[in-house]
Amino acid sequence: MKPRTGDADMSLLPSVRWPGPTHVDLPLEIPLGGVFLGVDRSGRPASIPAIQPRPVRIGVLGHPALAGALAYRLLGVGCQVAVLTADPRYWAALRGLVNTPALTWLDAPSNWPPSPGSAPGTYPGPQVLIVDYPTPPPLWIGELPWCTVLHVSSVAPESSEFWARTDAILLTESGFSGAVTRRWGHSDAALADDLREGEIALADRHGVVPLAFPRTP
């Protein structure tokens, strides 16, 4: 049968064999949970990967008030947050404004993380412990998947196993470049001592990034 006048000659098109659905390999990458911190000096948003299917350790150096804002944001992304504090003054606002079973206050870390259902309001999911004691928490605390431990200190601890294994360090004020150098030896560690008004810095294995940190009311 000859093609009619005006019909396209399909024989000129290349032959294509489409694979079936079972032969298509499409890796699905699920991004790990992060907590939004602010924007860098180029205006790009930055987050700290605080929720992962492995233990996470984060150090916070400087004024402890930042820890309250971090706790607020961690609660907002679905974490169960426990606080072990040596100075309740810095947590008064959070304690007064946030009333949820996902936020608990500890007298000792021995009962953390809780077993699902072991206490009213506990549930399976990401667990976060925030400690502002002068002594860093031992490594065995939170050595479980989906567990994050933050140590908040106004002085950079030295010879600490916890701080030697931190995944990230948040600097709320200048003067802690030495702690960054001891942990990673970054050539840009001096940025930690060059923070502008309203900035914090995020240090991890990639380097040091100053950030404009919007304060949580």
N, C-alpha and C. Protein backbone atom coordinates (compact mmCIF):
# COMPACT_ATOMS: atom_id res chain seq x y z
N MET A 1 0.85 -1.20 0.00
CA MET A 1 0.00 0.00 0.00
C MET A 1 0.88 1.24 0.00
N LYS A 2 0.64 2.11 -0.99
CA LYS A 2 1.43 3.33 -1.08
C LYS A 2 0.85 4.40 -0.17
N PRO A 3 1.75 5.18 0.43
CA PRO A 3 1.22 6.27 1.27
C PRO A 3 0.47 7.28 0.44
N ARG A 4 -0.59 7.84 1.00
CA ARG A 4 -1.35 8.85 0.31
C ARG A 4 -0.55 10.14 0.22
N THR A 5 -0.90 10.95 -0.73
CA THR A 5 -0.22 12.22 -0.89
C THR A 5 -0.42 13.07 0.36
N GLY A 6 0.65 13.59 0.87
CA GLY A 6 0.57 14.41 2.08
C GLY A 6 0.87 13.65 3.34
N ASP A 7 0.83 12.30 3.32
CA ASP A 7 1.17 11.51 4.50
C ASP A 7 2.67 11.46 4.70
N ALA A 8 3.11 11.47 5.95
CA ALA A 8 4.54 11.38 6.24
C ALA A 8 5.04 9.97 5.99
N ASP A 9 6.26 9.86 5.50
CA ASP A 9 6.88 8.56 5.26
C ASP A 9 7.48 8.07 6.56
N MET A 10 6.79 7.19 7.31
CA MET A 10 7.20 6.72 8.62
C MET A 10 8.45 5.87 8.55
N SER A 11 8.78 5.36 7.40
CA SER A 11 9.96 4.51 7.27
C SER A 11 11.25 5.27 7.50
N LEU A 12 11.18 6.59 7.43
CA LEU A 12 12.39 7.39 7.63
C LEU A 12 12.72 7.61 9.09
N LEU A 13 11.75 7.30 9.99
CA LEU A 13 11.99 7.53 11.42
C LEU A 13 12.83 6.40 11.99
N PRO A 14 13.76 6.75 12.96
CA PRO A 14 14.57 5.68 13.56
C PRO A 14 13.73 4.79 14.46
N SER A 15 14.12 3.55 14.56
CA SER A 15 13.42 2.59 15.40
C SER A 15 13.93 2.70 16.83
N VAL A 16 13.00 2.79 17.77
CA VAL A 16 13.36 2.92 19.18
C VAL A 16 12.66 1.82 19.96
N ARG A 17 13.41 1.11 20.80
CA ARG A 17 12.83 0.07 21.63
C ARG A 17 12.77 0.57 23.07
N TRP A 18 11.58 0.78 23.61
CA TRP A 18 11.42 1.30 24.95
C TRP A 18 11.52 0.16 25.96
N PRO A 19 12.31 0.36 27.04
CA PRO A 19 12.41 -0.69 28.06
C PRO A 19 11.14 -0.75 28.90
N GLY A 20 10.88 -1.93 29.44
CA GLY A 20 9.75 -2.09 30.32
C GLY A 20 10.04 -1.49 31.69
N PRO A 21 9.03 -1.25 32.51
CA PRO A 21 9.23 -0.63 33.83
C PRO A 21 10.18 -1.40 34.72
N THR A 22 10.21 -2.73 34.57
CA THR A 22 11.09 -3.54 35.44
C THR A 22 12.55 -3.42 35.05
N HIS A 23 12.82 -2.83 33.87
CA HIS A 23 14.21 -2.70 33.41
C HIS A 23 14.75 -1.29 33.60
N VAL A 24 13.97 -0.42 34.20
CA VAL A 24 14.40 0.96 34.42
C VAL A 24 14.93 1.09 35.84
N ASP A 25 16.15 1.54 35.97
CA ASP A 25 16.79 1.70 37.29
C ASP A 25 16.77 3.17 37.67
N LEU A 26 15.85 3.54 38.55
CA LEU A 26 15.73 4.93 38.99
C LEU A 26 15.99 4.99 40.48
N PRO A 27 17.23 5.29 40.89
CA PRO A 27 17.51 5.36 42.32
C PRO A 27 16.77 6.54 42.95
N LEU A 28 16.11 6.26 44.05
CA LEU A 28 15.37 7.29 44.77
C LEU A 28 16.18 7.71 45.98
N GLU A 29 16.59 8.96 46.00
CA GLU A 29 17.37 9.48 47.12
C GLU A 29 16.46 10.32 48.01
N ILE A 30 16.30 9.89 49.24
CA ILE A 30 15.47 10.63 50.19
C ILE A 30 16.39 11.55 50.99
N PRO A 31 16.21 12.86 50.90
CA PRO A 31 17.11 13.76 51.61
C PRO A 31 16.97 13.62 53.12
N LEU A 32 18.08 13.69 53.82
CA LEU A 32 18.07 13.60 55.26
C LEU A 32 17.54 14.91 55.86
N GLY A 33 16.95 14.78 57.03
CA GLY A 33 16.34 15.94 57.65
C GLY A 33 17.38 16.93 58.16
N GLY A 34 17.13 18.18 57.92
CA GLY A 34 18.01 19.22 58.40
C GLY A 34 17.22 20.31 59.09
N VAL A 35 17.89 21.08 59.89
CA VAL A 35 17.26 22.20 60.60
C VAL A 35 17.76 23.49 59.97
N PHE A 36 16.85 24.30 59.51
CA PHE A 36 17.21 25.57 58.87
C PHE A 36 17.87 26.49 59.88
N LEU A 37 19.01 27.06 59.50
CA LEU A 37 19.73 27.97 60.37
C LEU A 37 19.62 29.42 59.93
N GLY A 38 19.74 29.66 58.64
CA GLY A 38 19.73 31.03 58.13
C GLY A 38 20.29 31.04 56.73
N VAL A 39 20.78 32.20 56.32
CA VAL A 39 21.35 32.34 54.98
C VAL A 39 22.79 32.79 55.10
N ASP A 40 23.62 32.34 54.15
CA ASP A 40 25.02 32.76 54.17
C ASP A 40 25.16 34.15 53.56
N ARG A 41 26.38 34.60 53.42
CA ARG A 41 26.60 35.97 52.94
C ARG A 41 26.26 36.15 51.48
N SER A 42 26.02 35.04 50.77
CA SER A 42 25.58 35.11 49.38
C SER A 42 24.06 35.00 49.26
N GLY A 43 23.38 34.85 50.40
CA GLY A 43 21.93 34.74 50.39
C GLY A 43 21.41 33.35 50.21
N ARG A 44 22.29 32.34 50.25
CA ARG A 44 21.85 30.96 50.09
C ARG A 44 21.45 30.37 51.44
N PRO A 45 20.33 29.63 51.49
CA PRO A 45 19.89 29.04 52.76
C PRO A 45 20.85 27.94 53.21
N ALA A 46 20.97 27.78 54.51
CA ALA A 46 21.86 26.76 55.07
C ALA A 46 21.13 26.03 56.19
N SER A 47 21.32 24.73 56.23
CA SER A 47 20.73 23.89 57.26
C SER A 47 21.81 23.02 57.87
N ILE A 48 21.53 22.53 59.06
CA ILE A 48 22.44 21.59 59.70
C ILE A 48 21.77 20.21 59.67
N PRO A 49 22.45 19.19 59.13
CA PRO A 49 21.84 17.85 59.03
C PRO A 49 21.78 17.15 60.38
N ALA A 50 20.82 17.54 61.17
CA ALA A 50 20.75 17.06 62.56
C ALA A 50 19.99 15.75 62.71
N ILE A 51 19.32 15.30 61.68
CA ILE A 51 18.49 14.10 61.78
C ILE A 51 18.96 13.10 60.74
N GLN A 52 19.57 12.03 61.19
CA GLN A 52 20.12 11.05 60.27
C GLN A 52 19.92 9.64 60.85
N PRO A 53 19.98 8.62 59.99
CA PRO A 53 19.81 7.25 60.49
C PRO A 53 21.07 6.69 61.14
N ARG A 54 21.77 7.52 61.85
CA ARG A 54 22.97 7.16 62.60
C ARG A 54 23.12 8.16 63.74
N PRO A 55 23.98 7.89 64.70
CA PRO A 55 24.18 8.88 65.76
C PRO A 55 24.78 10.18 65.21
N VAL A 56 24.31 11.30 65.72
CA VAL A 56 24.81 12.62 65.32
C VAL A 56 25.23 13.38 66.58
N ARG A 57 26.40 14.02 66.51
CA ARG A 57 26.89 14.83 67.63
C ARG A 57 27.15 16.25 67.14
N ILE A 58 26.60 17.20 67.86
CA ILE A 58 26.72 18.60 67.48
C ILE A 58 27.20 19.39 68.68
N GLY A 59 28.18 20.25 68.47
CA GLY A 59 28.65 21.14 69.51
C GLY A 59 28.14 22.55 69.28
N VAL A 60 27.79 23.24 70.35
CA VAL A 60 27.36 24.64 70.28
C VAL A 60 28.25 25.43 71.21
N LEU A 61 28.97 26.39 70.65
CA LEU A 61 29.91 27.20 71.43
C LEU A 61 29.44 28.64 71.49
N GLY A 62 29.51 29.22 72.68
CA GLY A 62 29.13 30.61 72.85
C GLY A 62 27.95 30.74 73.80
N HIS A 63 27.08 31.69 73.51
CA HIS A 63 25.94 31.95 74.38
C HIS A 63 24.95 30.81 74.30
N PRO A 64 24.49 30.26 75.42
CA PRO A 64 23.59 29.10 75.41
C PRO A 64 22.18 29.40 74.93
N ALA A 65 21.82 30.68 74.73
CA ALA A 65 20.46 30.99 74.31
C ALA A 65 20.13 30.39 72.95
N LEU A 66 21.13 30.19 72.10
CA LEU A 66 20.88 29.61 70.79
C LEU A 66 20.29 28.21 70.89
N ALA A 67 20.65 27.50 71.95
CA ALA A 67 20.17 26.13 72.11
C ALA A 67 18.64 26.09 72.21
N GLY A 68 18.05 27.09 72.83
CA GLY A 68 16.60 27.13 72.93
C GLY A 68 15.94 27.28 71.56
N ALA A 69 16.54 28.11 70.70
CA ALA A 69 16.01 28.27 69.35
C ALA A 69 16.16 26.99 68.55
N LEU A 70 17.28 26.30 68.73
CA LEU A 70 17.48 25.02 68.04
C LEU A 70 16.46 23.98 68.51
N ALA A 71 16.22 23.93 69.81
CA ALA A 71 15.24 22.99 70.34
C ALA A 71 13.86 23.27 69.74
N TYR A 72 13.51 24.53 69.63
CA TYR A 72 12.22 24.91 69.06
C TYR A 72 12.09 24.42 67.62
N ARG A 73 13.16 24.58 66.85
CA ARG A 73 13.12 24.16 65.44
C ARG A 73 13.16 22.64 65.30
N LEU A 74 13.87 21.98 66.18
CA LEU A 74 13.89 20.52 66.14
C LEU A 74 12.52 19.94 66.47
N LEU A 75 11.83 20.55 67.41
CA LEU A 75 10.46 20.13 67.68
C LEU A 75 9.58 20.34 66.46
N GLY A 76 9.85 21.41 65.73
CA GLY A 76 9.05 21.72 64.56
C GLY A 76 9.20 20.74 63.42
N VAL A 77 10.32 20.03 63.37
CA VAL A 77 10.52 19.05 62.29
C VAL A 77 10.22 17.63 62.77
N GLY A 78 9.60 17.49 63.95
CA GLY A 78 9.10 16.20 64.38
C GLY A 78 9.99 15.41 65.31
N CYS A 79 10.96 16.07 65.94
CA CYS A 79 11.83 15.37 66.88
C CYS A 79 11.23 15.37 68.28
N GLN A 80 11.60 14.38 69.05
CA GLN A 80 11.32 14.40 70.48
C GLN A 80 12.58 14.93 71.16
N VAL A 81 12.47 16.04 71.86
CA VAL A 81 13.62 16.75 72.41
C VAL A 81 13.63 16.62 73.93
N ALA A 82 14.78 16.24 74.47
CA ALA A 82 14.98 16.18 75.91
C ALA A 82 16.10 17.15 76.27
N VAL A 83 15.92 17.88 77.37
CA VAL A 83 16.89 18.89 77.79
C VAL A 83 17.42 18.53 79.17
N LEU A 84 18.74 18.54 79.29
CA LEU A 84 19.42 18.34 80.57
C LEU A 84 20.23 19.59 80.82
N THR A 85 19.77 20.45 81.72
CA THR A 85 20.37 21.76 81.88
C THR A 85 20.93 21.98 83.28
N ALA A 86 22.02 22.73 83.32
CA ALA A 86 22.60 23.15 84.58
C ALA A 86 22.15 24.56 84.95
N ASP A 87 21.47 25.25 84.01
CA ASP A 87 21.04 26.62 84.25
C ASP A 87 19.67 26.83 83.60
N PRO A 88 18.59 26.60 84.35
CA PRO A 88 17.24 26.70 83.78
C PRO A 88 16.87 28.09 83.28
N ARG A 89 17.65 29.12 83.62
CA ARG A 89 17.30 30.48 83.18
C ARG A 89 17.22 30.57 81.66
N TYR A 90 18.12 29.89 80.98
CA TYR A 90 18.17 29.99 79.52
C TYR A 90 17.04 29.21 78.85
N TRP A 91 16.30 28.44 79.61
CA TRP A 91 15.24 27.62 79.05
C TRP A 91 13.86 28.07 79.51
N ALA A 92 13.79 29.15 80.25
CA ALA A 92 12.51 29.59 80.81
C ALA A 92 11.51 29.92 79.71
N ALA A 93 11.95 30.59 78.65
CA ALA A 93 11.02 30.98 77.58
C ALA A 93 10.46 29.74 76.88
N LEU A 94 11.32 28.78 76.56
CA LEU A 94 10.86 27.57 75.89
C LEU A 94 9.92 26.77 76.79
N ARG A 95 10.27 26.66 78.05
CA ARG A 95 9.43 25.91 78.99
C ARG A 95 8.06 26.57 79.14
N GLY A 96 8.03 27.90 79.11
CA GLY A 96 6.77 28.60 79.30
C GLY A 96 5.89 28.65 78.06
N LEU A 97 6.49 28.61 76.88
CA LEU A 97 5.73 28.79 75.65
C LEU A 97 5.38 27.49 74.95
N VAL A 98 6.17 26.45 75.15
CA VAL A 98 5.96 25.20 74.42
C VAL A 98 5.43 24.14 75.39
N ASN A 99 4.23 23.70 75.14
CA ASN A 99 3.61 22.68 75.98
C ASN A 99 3.27 21.48 75.11
N THR A 100 4.19 20.53 75.04
CA THR A 100 3.99 19.35 74.22
C THR A 100 4.73 18.18 74.87
N PRO A 101 4.17 16.99 74.78
CA PRO A 101 4.86 15.82 75.33
C PRO A 101 6.14 15.48 74.58
N ALA A 102 6.35 16.11 73.43
CA ALA A 102 7.59 15.87 72.68
C ALA A 102 8.78 16.59 73.31
N LEU A 103 8.54 17.49 74.26
CA LEU A 103 9.61 18.20 74.96
C LEU A 103 9.63 17.75 76.41
N THR A 104 10.76 17.19 76.84
CA THR A 104 10.88 16.70 78.22
C THR A 104 12.11 17.31 78.87
N TRP A 105 12.09 17.32 80.20
CA TRP A 105 13.18 17.90 81.00
C TRP A 105 13.74 16.80 81.90
N LEU A 106 15.05 16.58 81.80
CA LEU A 106 15.69 15.47 82.49
C LEU A 106 16.49 15.95 83.70
N ASP A 107 16.57 15.07 84.67
CA ASP A 107 17.47 15.30 85.81
C ASP A 107 18.80 14.58 85.61
N ALA A 108 18.80 13.57 84.77
CA ALA A 108 20.01 12.80 84.46
C ALA A 108 19.80 12.14 83.10
N PRO A 109 20.88 11.91 82.37
CA PRO A 109 20.72 11.34 81.02
C PRO A 109 20.55 9.83 81.01
N SER A 110 20.52 9.19 82.18
CA SER A 110 20.50 7.73 82.22
C SER A 110 19.22 7.14 81.62
N ASN A 111 18.13 7.93 81.60
CA ASN A 111 16.88 7.40 81.07
C ASN A 111 16.60 7.93 79.66
N TRP A 112 17.65 8.22 78.94
CA TRP A 112 17.51 8.71 77.56
C TRP A 112 18.34 7.86 76.63
N PRO A 113 17.85 7.55 75.41
CA PRO A 113 16.52 7.89 74.91
C PRO A 113 15.46 6.96 75.48
N PRO A 114 14.24 7.44 75.59
CA PRO A 114 13.19 6.59 76.16
C PRO A 114 12.78 5.49 75.19
N SER A 115 12.35 4.39 75.72
CA SER A 115 11.80 3.34 74.87
C SER A 115 10.41 3.77 74.41
N PRO A 116 10.06 3.50 73.16
CA PRO A 116 8.73 3.90 72.69
C PRO A 116 7.63 3.34 73.58
N GLY A 117 6.77 4.24 74.04
CA GLY A 117 5.65 3.81 74.87
C GLY A 117 5.99 3.61 76.33
N SER A 118 7.24 3.87 76.73
CA SER A 118 7.62 3.64 78.13
C SER A 118 7.12 4.74 79.05
N ALA A 119 6.74 5.84 78.48
CA ALA A 119 6.22 6.96 79.28
C ALA A 119 5.15 7.67 78.46
N PRO A 120 4.22 8.36 79.11
CA PRO A 120 3.17 9.07 78.36
C PRO A 120 3.78 10.08 77.40
N GLY A 121 3.33 10.05 76.16
CA GLY A 121 3.79 11.01 75.17
C GLY A 121 5.00 10.58 74.38
N THR A 122 5.68 9.51 74.76
CA THR A 122 6.84 9.08 73.99
C THR A 122 6.37 8.36 72.73
N TYR A 123 7.17 8.45 71.69
CA TYR A 123 6.82 7.83 70.43
C TYR A 123 8.09 7.49 69.68
N PRO A 124 8.03 6.50 68.79
CA PRO A 124 9.21 6.19 68.00
C PRO A 124 9.49 7.30 67.00
N GLY A 125 10.70 7.63 66.82
CA GLY A 125 11.07 8.70 65.90
C GLY A 125 12.39 9.32 66.31
N PRO A 126 12.83 10.36 65.62
CA PRO A 126 14.11 11.01 65.95
C PRO A 126 14.13 11.54 67.37
N GLN A 127 15.22 11.25 68.08
CA GLN A 127 15.38 11.66 69.47
C GLN A 127 16.56 12.62 69.57
N VAL A 128 16.37 13.71 70.30
CA VAL A 128 17.41 14.72 70.47
C VAL A 128 17.62 14.99 71.95
N LEU A 129 18.87 14.97 72.37
CA LEU A 129 19.24 15.33 73.75
C LEU A 129 20.12 16.57 73.69
N ILE A 130 19.74 17.60 74.45
CA ILE A 130 20.53 18.83 74.53
C ILE A 130 21.05 18.96 75.96
N VAL A 131 22.36 19.05 76.09
CA VAL A 131 23.02 19.11 77.39
C VAL A 131 23.83 20.40 77.46
N ASP A 132 23.63 21.19 78.52
CA ASP A 132 24.46 22.38 78.69
C ASP A 132 25.33 22.30 79.96
N TYR A 133 25.58 21.08 80.42
CA TYR A 133 26.50 20.89 81.55
C TYR A 133 27.92 21.27 81.13
N PRO A 134 28.77 21.69 82.08
CA PRO A 134 30.16 22.00 81.74
C PRO A 134 30.91 20.80 81.16
N THR A 135 30.58 19.60 81.64
CA THR A 135 31.26 18.40 81.17
C THR A 135 30.54 17.83 79.95
N PRO A 136 31.24 17.57 78.86
CA PRO A 136 30.59 17.00 77.68
C PRO A 136 30.01 15.62 77.98
N PRO A 137 28.94 15.26 77.31
CA PRO A 137 28.36 13.93 77.51
C PRO A 137 29.29 12.84 76.98
N PRO A 138 29.28 11.66 77.57
CA PRO A 138 30.11 10.57 77.06
C PRO A 138 29.60 10.07 75.71
N LEU A 139 30.46 9.39 74.99
CA LEU A 139 30.12 8.96 73.64
C LEU A 139 29.01 7.91 73.63
N TRP A 140 28.89 7.13 74.70
CA TRP A 140 27.91 6.05 74.66
C TRP A 140 26.48 6.56 74.71
N ILE A 141 26.28 7.79 75.16
CA ILE A 141 24.93 8.34 75.19
C ILE A 141 24.49 8.67 73.77
N GLY A 142 23.36 8.12 73.39
CA GLY A 142 22.83 8.40 72.06
C GLY A 142 23.52 7.67 70.94
N GLU A 143 24.24 6.62 71.24
CA GLU A 143 24.94 5.86 70.20
C GLU A 143 23.96 4.88 69.55
N LEU A 144 22.92 5.47 68.93
CA LEU A 144 21.85 4.71 68.30
C LEU A 144 21.39 5.44 67.05
N PRO A 145 20.79 4.72 66.10
CA PRO A 145 20.24 5.41 64.92
C PRO A 145 19.18 6.43 65.31
N TRP A 146 19.13 7.51 64.55
CA TRP A 146 18.14 8.57 64.73
C TRP A 146 18.23 9.23 66.10
N CYS A 147 19.42 9.25 66.68
CA CYS A 147 19.65 9.93 67.95
C CYS A 147 20.68 11.04 67.74
N THR A 148 20.34 12.22 68.22
CA THR A 148 21.22 13.39 68.09
C THR A 148 21.49 13.95 69.47
N VAL A 149 22.77 14.21 69.76
CA VAL A 149 23.17 14.79 71.04
C VAL A 149 23.87 16.12 70.78
N LEU A 150 23.40 17.17 71.46
CA LEU A 150 24.03 18.49 71.38
C LEU A 150 24.64 18.83 72.72
N HIS A 151 25.89 19.28 72.69
CA HIS A 151 26.51 19.81 73.90
C HIS A 151 26.72 21.30 73.73
N VAL A 152 26.17 22.06 74.67
CA VAL A 152 26.24 23.52 74.63
C VAL A 152 27.25 23.97 75.67
N SER A 153 28.22 24.77 75.25
CA SER A 153 29.27 25.20 76.16
C SER A 153 29.73 26.61 75.82
N SER A 154 30.04 27.37 76.85
CA SER A 154 30.58 28.72 76.64
C SER A 154 32.10 28.70 76.51
N VAL A 155 32.70 27.55 76.76
CA VAL A 155 34.15 27.37 76.65
C VAL A 155 34.41 26.16 75.77
N ALA A 156 35.35 26.28 74.86
CA ALA A 156 35.66 25.17 73.97
C ALA A 156 36.35 24.06 74.74
N PRO A 157 35.70 22.91 74.91
CA PRO A 157 36.33 21.81 75.66
C PRO A 157 37.54 21.25 74.91
N GLU A 158 38.57 20.93 75.64
CA GLU A 158 39.75 20.30 75.06
C GLU A 158 39.87 18.88 75.58
N SER A 159 40.51 18.03 74.80
CA SER A 159 40.72 16.62 75.17
C SER A 159 39.39 15.94 75.48
N SER A 160 38.37 16.23 74.67
CA SER A 160 37.05 15.66 74.86
C SER A 160 36.76 14.69 73.72
N GLU A 161 36.37 13.46 74.07
CA GLU A 161 36.01 12.49 73.04
C GLU A 161 34.78 12.96 72.26
N PHE A 162 33.83 13.56 72.96
CA PHE A 162 32.62 14.03 72.29
C PHE A 162 32.97 15.07 71.23
N TRP A 163 33.75 16.08 71.62
CA TRP A 163 34.07 17.16 70.69
C TRP A 163 35.02 16.71 69.58
N ALA A 164 35.78 15.67 69.84
CA ALA A 164 36.65 15.12 68.80
C ALA A 164 35.86 14.35 67.74
N ARG A 165 34.58 14.06 68.04
CA ARG A 165 33.75 13.29 67.12
C ARG A 165 32.53 14.08 66.64
N THR A 166 32.52 15.37 66.86
CA THR A 166 31.36 16.16 66.44
C THR A 166 31.21 16.14 64.92
N ASP A 167 29.96 16.08 64.48
CA ASP A 167 29.65 16.18 63.06
C ASP A 167 29.59 17.64 62.61
N ALA A 168 29.27 18.52 63.54
CA ALA A 168 29.18 19.95 63.23
C ALA A 168 29.35 20.73 64.52
N ILE A 169 29.81 21.97 64.37
CA ILE A 169 29.94 22.89 65.49
C ILE A 169 29.26 24.20 65.10
N LEU A 170 28.39 24.68 65.97
CA LEU A 170 27.76 25.98 65.78
C LEU A 170 28.43 26.98 66.70
N LEU A 171 28.82 28.12 66.13
CA LEU A 171 29.52 29.16 66.87
C LEU A 171 28.60 30.37 66.96
N THR A 172 28.20 30.73 68.16
CA THR A 172 27.26 31.83 68.32
C THR A 172 27.96 33.17 68.51
N GLU A 173 29.27 33.15 68.62
CA GLU A 173 30.05 34.38 68.75
C GLU A 173 31.47 34.11 68.30
N SER A 174 32.24 35.16 68.10
CA SER A 174 33.62 35.02 67.64
C SER A 174 34.52 34.51 68.76
N GLY A 175 35.68 34.01 68.37
CA GLY A 175 36.68 33.61 69.35
C GLY A 175 36.90 32.11 69.47
N PHE A 176 36.30 31.33 68.57
CA PHE A 176 36.41 29.88 68.69
C PHE A 176 37.06 29.22 67.48
N SER A 177 37.86 29.96 66.75
CA SER A 177 38.52 29.37 65.59
C SER A 177 39.44 28.22 65.99
N GLY A 178 40.01 28.28 67.20
CA GLY A 178 40.88 27.21 67.67
C GLY A 178 40.16 25.88 67.77
N ALA A 179 38.90 25.92 68.20
CA ALA A 179 38.12 24.68 68.32
C ALA A 179 37.87 24.08 66.94
N VAL A 180 37.63 24.94 65.96
CA VAL A 180 37.42 24.45 64.58
C VAL A 180 38.70 23.85 64.03
N THR A 181 39.82 24.52 64.31
CA THR A 181 41.11 24.02 63.82
C THR A 181 41.44 22.67 64.44
N ARG A 182 41.18 22.52 65.74
CA ARG A 182 41.47 21.24 66.40
C ARG A 182 40.62 20.11 65.83
N ARG A 183 39.39 20.43 65.45
CA ARG A 183 38.49 19.37 64.98
C ARG A 183 38.78 19.00 63.52
N TRP A 184 38.95 20.01 62.65
CA TRP A 184 39.07 19.69 61.23
C TRP A 184 40.34 20.25 60.57
N GLY A 185 40.98 21.24 61.18
CA GLY A 185 42.17 21.82 60.57
C GLY A 185 41.89 22.62 59.32
N HIS A 186 40.73 23.28 59.25
CA HIS A 186 40.37 24.02 58.05
C HIS A 186 41.24 25.26 57.86
N SER A 187 41.55 25.55 56.62
CA SER A 187 42.31 26.77 56.32
C SER A 187 41.46 28.02 56.48
N ASP A 188 40.12 27.86 56.45
CA ASP A 188 39.24 29.02 56.60
C ASP A 188 38.70 29.15 58.02
N ALA A 189 39.37 28.53 58.98
CA ALA A 189 38.90 28.57 60.37
C ALA A 189 38.83 30.00 60.91
N ALA A 190 39.64 30.92 60.34
CA ALA A 190 39.64 32.30 60.82
C ALA A 190 38.29 32.98 60.63
N LEU A 191 37.45 32.45 59.73
CA LEU A 191 36.11 33.02 59.56
C LEU A 191 35.30 32.93 60.84
N ALA A 192 35.63 31.97 61.67
CA ALA A 192 34.91 31.81 62.93
C ALA A 192 35.15 32.98 63.87
N ASP A 193 36.21 33.73 63.66
CA ASP A 193 36.52 34.90 64.49
C ASP A 193 36.19 36.21 63.79
N ASP A 194 35.45 36.13 62.70
CA ASP A 194 35.14 37.33 61.92
C ASP A 194 33.63 37.42 61.67
N LEU A 195 32.86 37.19 62.72
CA LEU A 195 31.41 37.21 62.58
C LEU A 195 30.88 38.64 62.70
N ARG A 196 29.91 38.95 61.87
CA ARG A 196 29.27 40.26 61.90
C ARG A 196 28.09 40.25 62.86
N GLU A 197 27.53 41.42 63.08
CA GLU A 197 26.36 41.54 63.96
C GLU A 197 25.22 40.67 63.44
N GLY A 198 24.66 39.83 64.31
CA GLY A 198 23.56 38.97 63.94
C GLY A 198 23.95 37.68 63.25
N GLU A 199 25.25 37.39 63.17
CA GLU A 199 25.71 36.18 62.51
C GLU A 199 26.13 35.10 63.51
N ILE A 200 25.98 33.86 63.07
CA ILE A 200 26.60 32.72 63.72
C ILE A 200 27.45 32.04 62.65
N ALA A 201 28.13 30.98 63.02
CA ALA A 201 28.91 30.24 62.02
C ALA A 201 28.63 28.75 62.17
N LEU A 202 28.56 28.09 61.03
CA LEU A 202 28.42 26.63 60.99
C LEU A 202 29.74 26.06 60.50
N ALA A 203 30.34 25.20 61.31
CA ALA A 203 31.58 24.53 60.92
C ALA A 203 31.34 23.03 60.86
N ASP A 204 31.79 22.42 59.78
CA ASP A 204 31.74 20.96 59.65
C ASP A 204 32.89 20.53 58.76
N ARG A 205 32.85 19.32 58.26
CA ARG A 205 33.98 18.81 57.49
C ARG A 205 34.19 19.56 56.18
N HIS A 206 33.17 20.32 55.75
CA HIS A 206 33.29 21.05 54.50
C HIS A 206 33.95 22.41 54.67
N GLY A 207 33.94 22.97 55.87
CA GLY A 207 34.51 24.28 56.09
C GLY A 207 33.71 25.09 57.09
N VAL A 208 33.91 26.40 57.07
CA VAL A 208 33.24 27.32 57.99
C VAL A 208 32.39 28.28 57.18
N VAL A 209 31.12 28.43 57.57
CA VAL A 209 30.20 29.31 56.85
C VAL A 209 29.53 30.26 57.84
N PRO A 210 29.80 31.58 57.74
CA PRO A 210 29.04 32.54 58.55
C PRO A 210 27.62 32.65 58.03
N LEU A 211 26.67 32.77 58.95
CA LEU A 211 25.25 32.79 58.58
C LEU A 211 24.52 33.89 59.33
N ALA A 212 23.60 34.54 58.64
CA ALA A 212 22.67 35.42 59.33
C ALA A 212 21.60 34.56 59.96
N PHE A 213 21.51 34.57 61.27
CA PHE A 213 20.62 33.67 62.00
C PHE A 213 19.40 34.43 62.47
N PRO A 214 18.22 34.16 61.87
CA PRO A 214 17.00 34.83 62.35
C PRO A 214 16.59 34.27 63.69
N ARG A 215 16.54 35.09 64.69
CA ARG A 215 16.21 34.65 66.04
C ARG A 215 14.77 34.20 66.14
N THR A 216 14.54 33.12 66.81
CA THR A 216 13.19 32.64 67.04
C THR A 216 12.55 33.47 68.16
N PRO A 217 11.36 34.03 67.91
CA PRO A 217 10.73 34.84 68.97
C PRO A 217 10.50 34.03 70.23
